[in-house]
N, C-alpha and C. Protein backbone atom coordinates (compact mmCIF):
# COMPACT_ATOMS: atom_id res chain seq x y z
N MET A 1 0.82 -1.19 0.00
CA MET A 1 0.00 0.00 0.00
C MET A 1 0.87 1.26 0.00
N THR A 2 2.03 1.20 0.63
CA THR A 2 2.85 2.40 0.74
C THR A 2 3.44 2.83 -0.61
N GLY A 3 3.85 1.86 -1.43
CA GLY A 3 4.43 2.20 -2.74
C GLY A 3 3.46 3.00 -3.60
N PRO A 4 2.26 2.46 -3.86
CA PRO A 4 1.30 3.22 -4.65
C PRO A 4 0.90 4.55 -4.00
N PHE A 5 0.83 4.56 -2.68
CA PHE A 5 0.47 5.78 -1.96
C PHE A 5 1.45 6.91 -2.30
N TYR A 6 2.75 6.64 -2.16
CA TYR A 6 3.74 7.68 -2.42
C TYR A 6 3.90 7.98 -3.90
N THR A 7 3.68 7.00 -4.76
CA THR A 7 3.71 7.28 -6.20
C THR A 7 2.61 8.26 -6.56
N LEU A 8 1.43 8.05 -6.00
CA LEU A 8 0.32 8.98 -6.27
C LEU A 8 0.62 10.38 -5.74
N LEU A 9 1.21 10.47 -4.57
CA LEU A 9 1.52 11.78 -4.01
C LEU A 9 2.50 12.57 -4.86
N ARG A 10 3.43 11.88 -5.44
CA ARG A 10 4.49 12.57 -6.20
C ARG A 10 4.01 13.04 -7.57
N ASN A 11 2.83 12.61 -8.00
CA ASN A 11 2.26 13.06 -9.27
C ASN A 11 3.21 12.92 -10.45
N GLY A 12 3.95 11.84 -10.48
CA GLY A 12 4.87 11.60 -11.60
C GLY A 12 4.34 10.53 -12.52
N GLU A 13 5.25 9.84 -13.16
CA GLU A 13 4.86 8.76 -14.05
C GLU A 13 4.25 7.61 -13.25
N GLY A 14 3.38 6.86 -13.91
CA GLY A 14 2.81 5.69 -13.28
C GLY A 14 1.60 5.96 -12.39
N GLN A 15 1.00 7.14 -12.55
CA GLN A 15 -0.14 7.50 -11.71
C GLN A 15 -1.31 6.52 -11.87
N LYS A 16 -1.64 6.22 -13.11
CA LYS A 16 -2.79 5.33 -13.37
C LYS A 16 -2.53 3.96 -12.77
N GLU A 17 -1.34 3.44 -12.96
CA GLU A 17 -0.98 2.12 -12.42
C GLU A 17 -0.98 2.14 -10.89
N ALA A 18 -0.46 3.21 -10.31
CA ALA A 18 -0.43 3.32 -8.85
C ALA A 18 -1.84 3.39 -8.28
N ALA A 19 -2.72 4.12 -8.95
CA ALA A 19 -4.11 4.21 -8.48
C ALA A 19 -4.78 2.84 -8.52
N GLU A 20 -4.51 2.08 -9.56
CA GLU A 20 -5.10 0.75 -9.67
C GLU A 20 -4.50 -0.20 -8.63
N LYS A 21 -3.21 -0.10 -8.38
CA LYS A 21 -2.58 -0.93 -7.34
C LYS A 21 -3.17 -0.62 -5.97
N LEU A 22 -3.33 0.66 -5.68
CA LEU A 22 -3.90 1.05 -4.40
C LEU A 22 -5.34 0.55 -4.29
N ALA A 23 -6.10 0.69 -5.35
CA ALA A 23 -7.49 0.19 -5.35
C ALA A 23 -7.51 -1.32 -5.14
N ASN A 24 -6.55 -2.03 -5.70
CA ASN A 24 -6.47 -3.48 -5.50
C ASN A 24 -6.16 -3.83 -4.04
N PHE A 25 -5.27 -3.06 -3.42
CA PHE A 25 -5.00 -3.26 -1.99
C PHE A 25 -6.29 -3.05 -1.19
N LEU A 26 -7.01 -1.99 -1.51
CA LEU A 26 -8.25 -1.70 -0.80
C LEU A 26 -9.28 -2.80 -1.02
N ARG A 27 -9.33 -3.36 -2.21
CA ARG A 27 -10.25 -4.48 -2.48
C ARG A 27 -9.90 -5.70 -1.63
N LYS A 28 -8.61 -5.94 -1.44
CA LYS A 28 -8.20 -7.06 -0.59
C LYS A 28 -8.61 -6.84 0.85
N TYR A 29 -8.44 -5.61 1.34
CA TYR A 29 -8.89 -5.30 2.70
C TYR A 29 -10.41 -5.47 2.80
N GLU A 30 -11.12 -4.97 1.81
CA GLU A 30 -12.58 -5.09 1.79
C GLU A 30 -13.01 -6.55 1.85
N LYS A 31 -12.34 -7.38 1.09
CA LYS A 31 -12.67 -8.81 1.03
C LYS A 31 -12.37 -9.52 2.36
N ASN A 32 -11.33 -9.09 3.02
CA ASN A 32 -10.88 -9.79 4.23
C ASN A 32 -11.46 -9.24 5.54
N LEU A 33 -12.21 -8.19 5.46
CA LEU A 33 -12.85 -7.65 6.66
C LEU A 33 -14.11 -8.46 6.93
N LYS A 34 -14.05 -9.31 7.93
CA LYS A 34 -15.15 -10.25 8.19
C LYS A 34 -16.06 -9.82 9.33
N GLY A 35 -15.62 -8.88 10.14
CA GLY A 35 -16.42 -8.41 11.26
C GLY A 35 -16.35 -6.90 11.34
N ASP A 36 -16.62 -6.38 12.51
CA ASP A 36 -16.54 -4.93 12.69
C ASP A 36 -15.11 -4.42 12.53
N PHE A 37 -14.15 -5.24 12.94
CA PHE A 37 -12.74 -4.88 12.85
C PHE A 37 -11.97 -6.08 12.31
N PHE A 38 -10.76 -5.84 11.84
CA PHE A 38 -9.93 -6.95 11.38
C PHE A 38 -9.58 -7.87 12.53
N GLY A 39 -9.54 -7.31 13.74
CA GLY A 39 -9.24 -8.10 14.94
C GLY A 39 -10.45 -8.78 15.55
N GLY A 40 -11.63 -8.64 14.95
CA GLY A 40 -12.84 -9.26 15.48
C GLY A 40 -13.86 -8.22 15.90
N ASP A 41 -14.32 -8.32 17.13
CA ASP A 41 -15.37 -7.42 17.63
C ASP A 41 -14.84 -6.08 18.13
N HIS A 42 -13.53 -5.98 18.27
CA HIS A 42 -12.92 -4.74 18.74
C HIS A 42 -11.59 -4.55 18.01
N PRO A 43 -11.09 -3.32 17.95
CA PRO A 43 -9.82 -3.10 17.27
C PRO A 43 -8.70 -3.90 17.92
N ASP A 44 -7.87 -4.46 17.07
CA ASP A 44 -6.74 -5.27 17.50
C ASP A 44 -5.48 -4.68 16.87
N ALA A 45 -4.37 -5.32 17.07
CA ALA A 45 -3.09 -4.81 16.56
C ALA A 45 -3.15 -4.54 15.06
N VAL A 46 -3.75 -5.43 14.29
CA VAL A 46 -3.79 -5.23 12.84
C VAL A 46 -4.58 -3.98 12.48
N ASP A 47 -5.66 -3.71 13.17
CA ASP A 47 -6.45 -2.51 12.90
C ASP A 47 -5.61 -1.26 13.15
N TYR A 48 -4.91 -1.24 14.28
CA TYR A 48 -4.09 -0.07 14.62
C TYR A 48 -2.87 0.06 13.72
N MET A 49 -2.35 -1.05 13.22
CA MET A 49 -1.17 -1.00 12.34
C MET A 49 -1.50 -0.44 10.97
N ILE A 50 -2.67 -0.77 10.44
CA ILE A 50 -3.02 -0.28 9.10
C ILE A 50 -3.77 1.04 9.14
N TRP A 51 -4.29 1.40 10.30
CA TRP A 51 -5.08 2.63 10.40
C TRP A 51 -4.40 3.87 9.84
N PRO A 52 -3.13 4.14 10.16
CA PRO A 52 -2.53 5.39 9.67
C PRO A 52 -2.61 5.58 8.16
N TRP A 53 -2.55 4.50 7.40
CA TRP A 53 -2.64 4.63 5.94
C TRP A 53 -4.05 5.00 5.51
N PHE A 54 -5.03 4.47 6.21
CA PHE A 54 -6.41 4.82 5.90
C PHE A 54 -6.72 6.25 6.36
N GLU A 55 -6.12 6.64 7.48
CA GLU A 55 -6.30 8.01 7.98
C GLU A 55 -5.81 9.02 6.95
N ARG A 56 -4.82 8.65 6.16
CA ARG A 56 -4.21 9.56 5.20
C ARG A 56 -4.85 9.52 3.80
N LEU A 57 -5.83 8.68 3.58
CA LEU A 57 -6.40 8.57 2.24
C LEU A 57 -6.96 9.89 1.72
N GLY A 58 -7.46 10.72 2.61
CA GLY A 58 -7.99 12.02 2.18
C GLY A 58 -6.94 12.89 1.52
N VAL A 59 -5.70 12.74 1.93
CA VAL A 59 -4.61 13.51 1.32
C VAL A 59 -4.47 13.13 -0.15
N LEU A 60 -4.65 11.86 -0.45
CA LEU A 60 -4.56 11.42 -1.85
C LEU A 60 -5.66 12.04 -2.70
N SER A 61 -6.81 12.22 -2.12
CA SER A 61 -7.90 12.87 -2.84
C SER A 61 -7.54 14.33 -3.13
N GLU A 62 -7.03 15.02 -2.11
CA GLU A 62 -6.66 16.43 -2.27
C GLU A 62 -5.48 16.64 -3.20
N GLN A 63 -4.45 15.83 -3.02
CA GLN A 63 -3.18 16.05 -3.71
C GLN A 63 -3.06 15.33 -5.05
N ALA A 64 -3.75 14.20 -5.19
CA ALA A 64 -3.55 13.39 -6.39
C ALA A 64 -4.84 13.01 -7.10
N GLY A 65 -5.97 13.44 -6.56
CA GLY A 65 -7.25 13.12 -7.20
C GLY A 65 -7.69 11.68 -7.07
N PHE A 66 -7.10 10.94 -6.11
CA PHE A 66 -7.51 9.55 -5.90
C PHE A 66 -8.85 9.54 -5.20
N ASP A 67 -9.81 8.84 -5.78
CA ASP A 67 -11.15 8.81 -5.22
C ASP A 67 -11.38 7.51 -4.46
N PHE A 68 -11.50 7.64 -3.13
CA PHE A 68 -11.89 6.50 -2.31
C PHE A 68 -13.40 6.44 -2.34
N SER A 69 -13.94 5.43 -2.99
CA SER A 69 -15.37 5.32 -3.19
C SER A 69 -16.03 4.52 -2.07
N ALA A 70 -16.86 5.20 -1.29
CA ALA A 70 -17.58 4.52 -0.20
C ALA A 70 -18.51 3.44 -0.76
N SER A 71 -19.03 3.64 -1.96
CA SER A 71 -19.93 2.64 -2.55
C SER A 71 -19.16 1.39 -3.00
N GLU A 72 -17.90 1.58 -3.41
CA GLU A 72 -17.09 0.42 -3.81
C GLU A 72 -16.53 -0.31 -2.58
N PHE A 73 -16.33 0.42 -1.50
CA PHE A 73 -15.73 -0.15 -0.29
C PHE A 73 -16.63 0.09 0.94
N PRO A 74 -17.83 -0.47 0.93
CA PRO A 74 -18.75 -0.20 2.05
C PRO A 74 -18.25 -0.76 3.39
N LEU A 75 -17.60 -1.91 3.37
CA LEU A 75 -17.11 -2.49 4.62
C LEU A 75 -15.95 -1.68 5.20
N ILE A 76 -15.04 -1.26 4.33
CA ILE A 76 -13.92 -0.43 4.77
C ILE A 76 -14.43 0.93 5.26
N THR A 77 -15.43 1.48 4.59
CA THR A 77 -16.00 2.75 5.01
C THR A 77 -16.62 2.62 6.40
N ALA A 78 -17.35 1.56 6.64
CA ALA A 78 -17.95 1.33 7.97
C ALA A 78 -16.86 1.12 9.02
N TRP A 79 -15.82 0.35 8.65
CA TRP A 79 -14.68 0.14 9.55
C TRP A 79 -14.02 1.47 9.88
N TRP A 80 -13.81 2.31 8.85
CA TRP A 80 -13.19 3.62 9.05
C TRP A 80 -13.99 4.43 10.06
N ASN A 81 -15.31 4.44 9.92
CA ASN A 81 -16.17 5.17 10.84
C ASN A 81 -16.06 4.62 12.26
N ARG A 82 -15.96 3.31 12.40
CA ARG A 82 -15.78 2.72 13.74
C ARG A 82 -14.41 3.07 14.31
N MET A 83 -13.39 3.06 13.47
CA MET A 83 -12.04 3.40 13.94
C MET A 83 -11.99 4.86 14.41
N VAL A 84 -12.61 5.76 13.69
CA VAL A 84 -12.61 7.17 14.06
C VAL A 84 -13.30 7.36 15.43
N ALA A 85 -14.24 6.49 15.75
CA ALA A 85 -14.95 6.58 17.04
C ALA A 85 -14.17 5.92 18.18
N ASP A 86 -13.13 5.18 17.86
CA ASP A 86 -12.33 4.48 18.87
C ASP A 86 -11.52 5.49 19.69
N GLU A 87 -11.51 5.32 21.00
CA GLU A 87 -10.83 6.27 21.88
C GLU A 87 -9.32 6.35 21.61
N THR A 88 -8.69 5.23 21.32
CA THR A 88 -7.26 5.24 21.03
C THR A 88 -6.97 6.02 19.76
N VAL A 89 -7.77 5.80 18.74
CA VAL A 89 -7.60 6.53 17.49
C VAL A 89 -7.87 8.02 17.70
N LYS A 90 -8.93 8.35 18.42
CA LYS A 90 -9.24 9.75 18.69
C LYS A 90 -8.07 10.46 19.37
N ALA A 91 -7.40 9.75 20.26
CA ALA A 91 -6.29 10.36 21.01
C ALA A 91 -5.03 10.54 20.18
N THR A 92 -4.93 9.85 19.07
CA THR A 92 -3.67 9.88 18.32
C THR A 92 -3.78 10.36 16.88
N MET A 93 -4.97 10.48 16.35
CA MET A 93 -5.08 10.83 14.92
C MET A 93 -4.88 12.32 14.70
N PHE A 94 -4.46 12.65 13.49
CA PHE A 94 -4.31 14.03 13.06
C PHE A 94 -5.46 14.38 12.13
N ASP A 95 -5.79 15.66 12.07
CA ASP A 95 -6.84 16.08 11.16
C ASP A 95 -6.28 16.17 9.73
N GLN A 96 -7.19 16.34 8.79
CA GLN A 96 -6.81 16.35 7.37
C GLN A 96 -5.86 17.49 7.05
N SER A 97 -6.07 18.65 7.63
CA SER A 97 -5.21 19.79 7.32
C SER A 97 -3.77 19.56 7.79
N THR A 98 -3.60 18.83 8.90
CA THR A 98 -2.26 18.51 9.37
C THR A 98 -1.57 17.54 8.43
N HIS A 99 -2.31 16.53 7.98
CA HIS A 99 -1.74 15.59 7.01
C HIS A 99 -1.37 16.31 5.72
N THR A 100 -2.24 17.19 5.27
CA THR A 100 -1.97 17.93 4.03
C THR A 100 -0.73 18.82 4.20
N ALA A 101 -0.61 19.48 5.33
CA ALA A 101 0.56 20.34 5.57
C ALA A 101 1.84 19.51 5.55
N PHE A 102 1.81 18.33 6.17
CA PHE A 102 3.01 17.49 6.14
C PHE A 102 3.34 17.07 4.72
N VAL A 103 2.35 16.63 3.97
CA VAL A 103 2.61 16.16 2.61
C VAL A 103 3.19 17.29 1.76
N ARG A 104 2.67 18.47 1.93
CA ARG A 104 3.22 19.61 1.16
C ARG A 104 4.68 19.87 1.52
N SER A 105 5.01 19.76 2.80
CA SER A 105 6.41 19.95 3.20
C SER A 105 7.28 18.82 2.65
N PHE A 106 6.75 17.60 2.66
CA PHE A 106 7.46 16.44 2.12
C PHE A 106 7.72 16.61 0.63
N LEU A 107 6.70 17.01 -0.11
CA LEU A 107 6.84 17.17 -1.55
C LEU A 107 7.76 18.34 -1.92
N ALA A 108 7.87 19.31 -1.02
CA ALA A 108 8.77 20.44 -1.25
C ALA A 108 10.22 20.09 -0.92
N GLY A 109 10.44 18.88 -0.44
CA GLY A 109 11.79 18.44 -0.11
C GLY A 109 12.25 18.83 1.28
N LYS A 110 11.35 19.36 2.09
CA LYS A 110 11.68 19.77 3.45
C LYS A 110 10.62 19.21 4.41
N PRO A 111 10.57 17.89 4.58
CA PRO A 111 9.52 17.32 5.43
C PRO A 111 9.59 17.82 6.86
N ASN A 112 8.48 18.34 7.34
CA ASN A 112 8.39 18.83 8.71
C ASN A 112 7.75 17.73 9.56
N TYR A 113 8.58 16.94 10.19
CA TYR A 113 8.09 15.81 10.97
C TYR A 113 7.46 16.24 12.28
N ASP A 114 7.54 17.51 12.61
CA ASP A 114 6.97 18.01 13.86
C ASP A 114 5.59 18.66 13.68
N ILE A 115 5.08 18.68 12.47
CA ILE A 115 3.75 19.28 12.24
C ILE A 115 2.74 18.56 13.13
N GLY A 116 1.93 19.34 13.80
CA GLY A 116 0.88 18.77 14.64
C GLY A 116 1.30 18.40 16.03
N LEU A 117 2.56 18.60 16.38
CA LEU A 117 3.03 18.19 17.71
C LEU A 117 3.05 19.34 18.71
N ASP A 118 2.66 20.51 18.28
CA ASP A 118 2.69 21.64 19.20
C ASP A 118 1.45 21.71 20.05
């Protein structure tokens, strides 16, 4: 998931292929989500490990035009909504503007790893 993610952010060659690869990763997650969470009835290690990439999907929409379709991924969309409601995720997630600010600094060649920590 990380390879296509960063290829899309960089807006270079291979955009179409990267978008399809990312969509294929999302289809695999959609297929393998059997309950409310990947860990079962409550978030488990796997949910928390993959969450940051899903938290950042909005940046791809803003920066690269990648459309995460709730109709194509209804299970992932419902999972995302449950994750956002999770107390651990609430305590650690960044808002979209913070993710966007980091990506812009990253793409400018001066990644600000401290954005959002003040």
